[in-house]
All heavy atoms as atom14 arrays in JSON, in Angstrom:
{
  "sequence": "WVPGRELSAILAALEEIHGAYNFDGSDSMVDYSH",
  "atom14_mask": [
    [1, 1, 1, 1, 1, 1, 1, 1, 1, 1, 1, 1, 1, 1],
    [1, 1, 1, 1, 1, 1, 1, 0, 0, 0, 0, 0, 0, 0],
    [1, 1, 1, 1, 1, 1, 1, 0, 0, 0, 0, 0, 0, 0],
    [1, 1, 1, 1, 0, 0, 0, 0, 0, 0, 0, 0, 0, 0],
    [1, 1, 1, 1, 1, 1, 1, 1, 1, 1, 1, 0, 0, 0],
    [1, 1, 1, 1, 1, 1, 1, 1, 1, 0, 0, 0, 0, 0],
    [1, 1, 1, 1, 1, 1, 1, 1, 0, 0, 0, 0, 0, 0],
    [1, 1, 1, 1, 1, 1, 0, 0, 0, 0, 0, 0, 0, 0],
    [1, 1, 1, 1, 1, 0, 0, 0, 0, 0, 0, 0, 0, 0],
    [1, 1, 1, 1, 1, 1, 1, 1, 0, 0, 0, 0, 0, 0],
    [1, 1, 1, 1, 1, 1, 1, 1, 0, 0, 0, 0, 0, 0],
    [1, 1, 1, 1, 1, 0, 0, 0, 0, 0, 0, 0, 0, 0],
    [1, 1, 1, 1, 1, 0, 0, 0, 0, 0, 0, 0, 0, 0],
    [1, 1, 1, 1, 1, 1, 1, 1, 0, 0, 0, 0, 0, 0],
    [1, 1, 1, 1, 1, 1, 1, 1, 1, 0, 0, 0, 0, 0],
    [1, 1, 1, 1, 1, 1, 1, 1, 1, 0, 0, 0, 0, 0],
    [1, 1, 1, 1, 1, 1, 1, 1, 0, 0, 0, 0, 0, 0],
    [1, 1, 1, 1, 1, 1, 1, 1, 1, 1, 0, 0, 0, 0],
    [1, 1, 1, 1, 0, 0, 0, 0, 0, 0, 0, 0, 0, 0],
    [1, 1, 1, 1, 1, 0, 0, 0, 0, 0, 0, 0, 0, 0],
    [1, 1, 1, 1, 1, 1, 1, 1, 1, 1, 1, 1, 0, 0],
    [1, 1, 1, 1, 1, 1, 1, 1, 0, 0, 0, 0, 0, 0],
    [1, 1, 1, 1, 1, 1, 1, 1, 1, 1, 1, 0, 0, 0],
    [1, 1, 1, 1, 1, 1, 1, 1, 0, 0, 0, 0, 0, 0],
    [1, 1, 1, 1, 0, 0, 0, 0, 0, 0, 0, 0, 0, 0],
    [1, 1, 1, 1, 1, 1, 0, 0, 0, 0, 0, 0, 0, 0],
    [1, 1, 1, 1, 1, 1, 1, 1, 0, 0, 0, 0, 0, 0],
    [1, 1, 1, 1, 1, 1, 0, 0, 0, 0, 0, 0, 0, 0],
    [1, 1, 1, 1, 1, 1, 1, 1, 0, 0, 0, 0, 0, 0],
    [1, 1, 1, 1, 1, 1, 1, 0, 0, 0, 0, 0, 0, 0],
    [1, 1, 1, 1, 1, 1, 1, 1, 0, 0, 0, 0, 0, 0],
    [1, 1, 1, 1, 1, 1, 1, 1, 1, 1, 1, 1, 0, 0],
    [1, 1, 1, 1, 1, 1, 0, 0, 0, 0, 0, 0, 0, 0],
    [1, 1, 1, 1, 1, 1, 1, 1, 1, 1, 0, 0, 0, 0]
  ],
  "atom14_positions": [
    [[18.99, -5.55, -7.45], [18.99, -4.27, -6.74], [17.66, -4.1, -6.01], [16.65, -4.22, -6.63], [19.2, -3.12, -7.65], [20.61, -3.1, -8.23], [20.99, -3.66, -9.42], [21.78, -2.57, -7.58], [22.4, -3.41, -9.57], [22.87, -2.76, -8.51], [22.07, -1.97, -6.41], [24.19, -2.42, -8.2], [23.35, -1.56, -6.1], [24.38, -1.75, -7.0]],
    [[17.71, -3.78, -4.73], [16.54, -3.55, -3.93], [16.75, -2.22, -3.15], [17.86, -1.83, -2.88], [16.27, -4.69, -2.92], [15.88, -5.95, -3.71], [17.39, -4.93, -2.0], [0.0, 0.0, 0.0], [0.0, 0.0, 0.0], [0.0, 0.0, 0.0], [0.0, 0.0, 0.0], [0.0, 0.0, 0.0], [0.0, 0.0, 0.0], [0.0, 0.0, 0.0]],
    [[15.62, -1.57, -2.76], [15.82, -0.35, -1.96], [16.45, -0.67, -0.64], [16.12, -1.63, 0.03], [14.38, 0.14, -1.76], [13.6, -0.45, -2.85], [14.28, -1.77, -3.2], [0.0, 0.0, 0.0], [0.0, 0.0, 0.0], [0.0, 0.0, 0.0], [0.0, 0.0, 0.0], [0.0, 0.0, 0.0], [0.0, 0.0, 0.0], [0.0, 0.0, 0.0]],
    [[17.4, 0.18, -0.23], [18.11, 0.03, 1.05], [17.29, 0.63, 2.18], [16.12, 1.01, 2.04], [0.0, 0.0, 0.0], [0.0, 0.0, 0.0], [0.0, 0.0, 0.0], [0.0, 0.0, 0.0], [0.0, 0.0, 0.0], [0.0, 0.0, 0.0], [0.0, 0.0, 0.0], [0.0, 0.0, 0.0], [0.0, 0.0, 0.0], [0.0, 0.0, 0.0]],
    [[17.9, 0.72, 3.35], [17.28, 1.17, 4.51], [16.71, 2.6, 4.39], [15.56, 2.87, 4.72], [18.22, 1.07, 5.68], [17.58, 1.26, 7.04], [18.63, 1.18, 8.12], [19.8, 1.99, 7.68], [20.5, 2.73, 8.45], [20.3, 2.75, 9.72], [21.47, 3.42, 7.98], [0.0, 0.0, 0.0], [0.0, 0.0, 0.0], [0.0, 0.0, 0.0]],
    [[17.51, 3.59, 3.9], [17.03, 4.92, 3.84], [15.88, 5.09, 2.81], [14.89, 5.74, 3.11], [18.18, 5.86, 3.4], [19.4, 5.84, 4.33], [20.4, 4.88, 3.88], [20.21, 4.16, 2.89], [21.49, 4.8, 4.56], [0.0, 0.0, 0.0], [0.0, 0.0, 0.0], [0.0, 0.0, 0.0], [0.0, 0.0, 0.0], [0.0, 0.0, 0.0]],
    [[16.07, 4.52, 1.59], [15.05, 4.61, 0.61], [13.8, 3.89, 0.98], [12.71, 4.31, 0.76], [15.63, 4.11, -0.75], [14.7, 4.27, -1.98], [14.28, 5.73, -2.16], [15.42, 3.78, -3.22], [0.0, 0.0, 0.0], [0.0, 0.0, 0.0], [0.0, 0.0, 0.0], [0.0, 0.0, 0.0], [0.0, 0.0, 0.0], [0.0, 0.0, 0.0]],
    [[13.93, 2.73, 1.66], [12.76, 1.97, 2.12], [11.95, 2.7, 3.1], [10.7, 2.72, 3.05], [13.22, 0.62, 2.74], [13.73, -0.26, 1.72], [0.0, 0.0, 0.0], [0.0, 0.0, 0.0], [0.0, 0.0, 0.0], [0.0, 0.0, 0.0], [0.0, 0.0, 0.0], [0.0, 0.0, 0.0], [0.0, 0.0, 0.0], [0.0, 0.0, 0.0]],
    [[12.68, 3.46, 4.0], [11.92, 4.27, 5.01], [11.09, 5.38, 4.33], [9.96, 5.66, 4.71], [12.91, 4.84, 5.95], [0.0, 0.0, 0.0], [0.0, 0.0, 0.0], [0.0, 0.0, 0.0], [0.0, 0.0, 0.0], [0.0, 0.0, 0.0], [0.0, 0.0, 0.0], [0.0, 0.0, 0.0], [0.0, 0.0, 0.0], [0.0, 0.0, 0.0]],
    [[11.69, 6.03, 3.29], [10.97, 7.05, 2.57], [9.77, 6.46, 1.84], [8.69, 7.01, 1.9], [11.97, 7.79, 1.56], [13.01, 8.5, 2.35], [11.22, 8.67, 0.62], [14.2, 9.01, 1.5], [0.0, 0.0, 0.0], [0.0, 0.0, 0.0], [0.0, 0.0, 0.0], [0.0, 0.0, 0.0], [0.0, 0.0, 0.0], [0.0, 0.0, 0.0]],
    [[10.0, 5.4, 1.15], [8.85, 4.73, 0.41], [7.84, 4.28, 1.34], [6.6, 4.43, 1.03], [9.41, 3.59, -0.45], [10.36, 3.95, -1.59], [10.87, 2.7, -2.26], [9.68, 4.85, -2.58], [0.0, 0.0, 0.0], [0.0, 0.0, 0.0], [0.0, 0.0, 0.0], [0.0, 0.0, 0.0], [0.0, 0.0, 0.0], [0.0, 0.0, 0.0]],
    [[8.16, 3.73, 2.49], [7.14, 3.3, 3.45], [6.35, 4.43, 4.02], [5.16, 4.33, 4.22], [7.82, 2.51, 4.63], [0.0, 0.0, 0.0], [0.0, 0.0, 0.0], [0.0, 0.0, 0.0], [0.0, 0.0, 0.0], [0.0, 0.0, 0.0], [0.0, 0.0, 0.0], [0.0, 0.0, 0.0], [0.0, 0.0, 0.0], [0.0, 0.0, 0.0]],
    [[6.99, 5.58, 4.29], [6.32, 6.75, 4.73], [5.3, 7.25, 3.73], [4.15, 7.59, 4.08], [7.27, 7.85, 5.12], [0.0, 0.0, 0.0], [0.0, 0.0, 0.0], [0.0, 0.0, 0.0], [0.0, 0.0, 0.0], [0.0, 0.0, 0.0], [0.0, 0.0, 0.0], [0.0, 0.0, 0.0], [0.0, 0.0, 0.0], [0.0, 0.0, 0.0]],
    [[5.7, 7.29, 2.47], [4.85, 7.74, 1.39], [3.68, 6.77, 1.19], [2.57, 7.18, 0.93], [5.62, 7.96, 0.1], [6.61, 9.15, 0.08], [7.5, 9.1, -1.14], [5.83, 10.42, 0.29], [0.0, 0.0, 0.0], [0.0, 0.0, 0.0], [0.0, 0.0, 0.0], [0.0, 0.0, 0.0], [0.0, 0.0, 0.0], [0.0, 0.0, 0.0]],
    [[3.95, 5.45, 1.28], [2.88, 4.41, 1.24], [1.9, 4.61, 2.33], [0.67, 4.39, 2.14], [3.46, 3.04, 1.16], [4.12, 2.73, -0.11], [4.87, 1.39, -0.07], [5.05, 0.79, 1.0], [5.4, 1.03, -1.13], [0.0, 0.0, 0.0], [0.0, 0.0, 0.0], [0.0, 0.0, 0.0], [0.0, 0.0, 0.0], [0.0, 0.0, 0.0]],
    [[2.33, 4.93, 3.54], [1.44, 5.12, 4.66], [0.51, 6.28, 4.39], [-0.73, 6.22, 4.61], [2.24, 5.35, 5.96], [1.36, 5.46, 7.14], [2.17, 5.69, 8.43], [3.42, 5.36, 8.42], [1.58, 6.09, 9.43], [0.0, 0.0, 0.0], [0.0, 0.0, 0.0], [0.0, 0.0, 0.0], [0.0, 0.0, 0.0], [0.0, 0.0, 0.0]],
    [[1.01, 7.41, 3.91], [0.25, 8.55, 3.56], [-0.72, 8.22, 2.43], [-1.84, 8.57, 2.43], [1.14, 9.8, 3.22], [1.9, 10.19, 4.45], [0.25, 10.9, 2.7], [3.0, 11.21, 4.17], [0.0, 0.0, 0.0], [0.0, 0.0, 0.0], [0.0, 0.0, 0.0], [0.0, 0.0, 0.0], [0.0, 0.0, 0.0], [0.0, 0.0, 0.0]],
    [[-0.2, 7.51, 1.43], [-1.05, 7.13, 0.26], [-2.23, 6.27, 0.64], [-3.32, 6.49, 0.14], [-0.16, 6.42, -0.76], [-0.86, 5.91, -1.98], [-1.46, 4.72, -2.08], [-1.05, 6.62, -3.18], [-1.96, 4.6, -3.33], [-1.77, 5.74, -3.92], [0.0, 0.0, 0.0], [0.0, 0.0, 0.0], [0.0, 0.0, 0.0], [0.0, 0.0, 0.0]],
    [[-2.04, 5.37, 1.59], [-3.08, 4.46, 1.97], [-4.01, 4.97, 3.1], [-4.99, 4.4, 3.38], [0.0, 0.0, 0.0], [0.0, 0.0, 0.0], [0.0, 0.0, 0.0], [0.0, 0.0, 0.0], [0.0, 0.0, 0.0], [0.0, 0.0, 0.0], [0.0, 0.0, 0.0], [0.0, 0.0, 0.0], [0.0, 0.0, 0.0], [0.0, 0.0, 0.0]],
    [[-3.65, 6.15, 3.62], [-4.39, 6.64, 4.73], [-5.84, 7.01, 4.38], [-6.74, 6.97, 5.24], [-3.73, 7.87, 5.35], [0.0, 0.0, 0.0], [0.0, 0.0, 0.0], [0.0, 0.0, 0.0], [0.0, 0.0, 0.0], [0.0, 0.0, 0.0], [0.0, 0.0, 0.0], [0.0, 0.0, 0.0], [0.0, 0.0, 0.0], [0.0, 0.0, 0.0]],
    [[-6.08, 7.4, 3.12], [-7.5, 7.78, 2.74], [-8.14, 6.71, 1.9], [-9.2, 6.98, 1.33], [-7.38, 9.12, 1.98], [-6.8, 10.21, 2.84], [-5.49, 10.51, 2.74], [-7.59, 10.9, 3.74], [-4.88, 11.52, 3.51], [-7.05, 11.88, 4.56], [-5.67, 12.17, 4.42], [-5.18, 13.12, 5.24], [0.0, 0.0, 0.0], [0.0, 0.0, 0.0]],
    [[-7.5, 5.58, 1.81], [-8.09, 4.54, 0.95], [-8.75, 3.47, 1.86], [-8.56, 3.38, 3.03], [-7.01, 3.85, 0.16], [-7.51, 3.16, -1.11], [-8.72, 3.11, -1.32], [-6.61, 2.63, -1.91], [0.0, 0.0, 0.0], [0.0, 0.0, 0.0], [0.0, 0.0, 0.0], [0.0, 0.0, 0.0], [0.0, 0.0, 0.0], [0.0, 0.0, 0.0]],
    [[-9.65, 2.67, 1.25], [-10.27, 1.56, 1.95], [-10.34, 0.43, 0.94], [-10.26, 0.67, -0.31], [-11.63, 1.89, 2.5], [-12.64, 2.2, 1.49], [-13.39, 1.2, 0.87], [-12.94, 3.45, 1.07], [-14.36, 1.44, -0.1], [-13.86, 3.76, 0.09], [-14.6, 2.76, -0.48], [0.0, 0.0, 0.0], [0.0, 0.0, 0.0], [0.0, 0.0, 0.0]],
    [[-10.38, -0.75, 1.39], [-10.49, -1.92, 0.55], [-11.56, -2.84, 0.99], [-11.4, -3.63, 1.96], [-9.16, -2.68, 0.46], [-9.12, -3.71, -0.62], [-10.15, -3.94, -1.26], [-8.04, -4.34, -0.76], [0.0, 0.0, 0.0], [0.0, 0.0, 0.0], [0.0, 0.0, 0.0], [0.0, 0.0, 0.0], [0.0, 0.0, 0.0], [0.0, 0.0, 0.0]],
    [[-12.72, -2.73, 0.42], [-13.88, -3.61, 0.75], [-14.03, -4.72, -0.28], [-15.08, -5.26, -0.42], [0.0, 0.0, 0.0], [0.0, 0.0, 0.0], [0.0, 0.0, 0.0], [0.0, 0.0, 0.0], [0.0, 0.0, 0.0], [0.0, 0.0, 0.0], [0.0, 0.0, 0.0], [0.0, 0.0, 0.0], [0.0, 0.0, 0.0], [0.0, 0.0, 0.0]],
    [[-12.92, -5.07, -0.94], [-12.95, -6.12, -1.94], [-13.04, -7.5, -1.39], [-12.66, -7.72, -0.28], [-11.65, -6.04, -2.81], [-11.46, -4.76, -3.41], [0.0, 0.0, 0.0], [0.0, 0.0, 0.0], [0.0, 0.0, 0.0], [0.0, 0.0, 0.0], [0.0, 0.0, 0.0], [0.0, 0.0, 0.0], [0.0, 0.0, 0.0], [0.0, 0.0, 0.0]],
    [[-13.63, -8.37, -2.19], [-13.77, -9.76, -1.79], [-13.37, -10.63, -2.98], [-14.17, -10.75, -3.97], [-15.18, -10.11, -1.4], [-15.35, -11.51, -0.84], [-14.41, -12.25, -0.79], [-16.51, -11.84, -0.43], [0.0, 0.0, 0.0], [0.0, 0.0, 0.0], [0.0, 0.0, 0.0], [0.0, 0.0, 0.0], [0.0, 0.0, 0.0], [0.0, 0.0, 0.0]],
    [[-12.14, -11.16, -2.95], [-11.66, -11.9, -4.07], [-12.39, -13.27, -4.27], [-12.36, -13.83, -5.37], [-10.16, -12.15, -3.91], [-9.89, -12.89, -2.74], [0.0, 0.0, 0.0], [0.0, 0.0, 0.0], [0.0, 0.0, 0.0], [0.0, 0.0, 0.0], [0.0, 0.0, 0.0], [0.0, 0.0, 0.0], [0.0, 0.0, 0.0], [0.0, 0.0, 0.0]],
    [[-13.07, -13.71, -3.23], [-13.79, -15.01, -3.33], [-14.94, -14.93, -4.31], [-15.35, -15.89, -4.92], [-14.25, -15.46, -1.98], [-13.13, -15.79, -1.0], [-12.09, -17.19, -1.55], [-13.27, -18.49, -1.33], [0.0, 0.0, 0.0], [0.0, 0.0, 0.0], [0.0, 0.0, 0.0], [0.0, 0.0, 0.0], [0.0, 0.0, 0.0], [0.0, 0.0, 0.0]],
    [[-15.52, -13.7, -4.41], [-16.68, -13.57, -5.29], [-16.4, -12.56, -6.42], [-17.3, -12.03, -7.07], [-17.97, -13.05, -4.51], [-18.42, -14.16, -3.53], [-17.66, -11.81, -3.73], [0.0, 0.0, 0.0], [0.0, 0.0, 0.0], [0.0, 0.0, 0.0], [0.0, 0.0, 0.0], [0.0, 0.0, 0.0], [0.0, 0.0, 0.0], [0.0, 0.0, 0.0]],
    [[-15.12, -12.27, -6.64], [-14.67, -11.34, -7.66], [-15.39, -9.98, -7.6], [-15.88, -9.47, -8.52], [-15.01, -12.0, -9.08], [-14.2, -11.32, -10.2], [-13.14, -10.71, -9.84], [-14.59, -11.38, -11.31], [0.0, 0.0, 0.0], [0.0, 0.0, 0.0], [0.0, 0.0, 0.0], [0.0, 0.0, 0.0], [0.0, 0.0, 0.0], [0.0, 0.0, 0.0]],
    [[-15.27, -9.47, -6.37], [-15.88, -8.12, -6.1], [-14.79, -7.15, -5.71], [-14.01, -7.37, -4.79], [-16.86, -8.21, -4.99], [-17.51, -6.93, -4.56], [-18.37, -6.24, -5.38], [-17.19, -6.34, -3.31], [-18.92, -4.96, -4.93], [-17.72, -5.14, -2.9], [-18.55, -4.48, -3.77], [-19.14, -3.3, -3.32], [0.0, 0.0, 0.0], [0.0, 0.0, 0.0]],
    [[-14.66, -6.05, -6.49], [-13.58, -5.13, -6.18], [-14.23, -3.77, -5.73], [-15.07, -3.21, -6.48], [-12.76, -4.84, -7.43], [-11.78, -3.86, -7.25], [0.0, 0.0, 0.0], [0.0, 0.0, 0.0], [0.0, 0.0, 0.0], [0.0, 0.0, 0.0], [0.0, 0.0, 0.0], [0.0, 0.0, 0.0], [0.0, 0.0, 0.0], [0.0, 0.0, 0.0]],
    [[-13.9, -3.32, -4.56], [-14.46, -2.09, -4.03], [-13.35, -1.37, -3.26], [-13.15, -1.63, -2.13], [-15.66, -2.46, -3.17], [-16.33, -1.24, -2.6], [-17.08, -0.37, -3.36], [-16.36, -0.76, -1.35], [-17.56, 0.65, -2.62], [-17.12, 0.44, -1.4], [0.0, 0.0, 0.0], [0.0, 0.0, 0.0], [0.0, 0.0, 0.0], [0.0, 0.0, 0.0]]
  ]
}
C-alpha cells in the first residue's frame, strides 16, 4: 500500500511547509550534522 494521488498531494504540501524553515548544512563525508 502506498499513498495515492490525493494523499500524496497533502503530504507533499505539508512537507514543503515543514521544510521551509529548515536548513541542512550537513556534510556526510566528514560526519558533520548541522
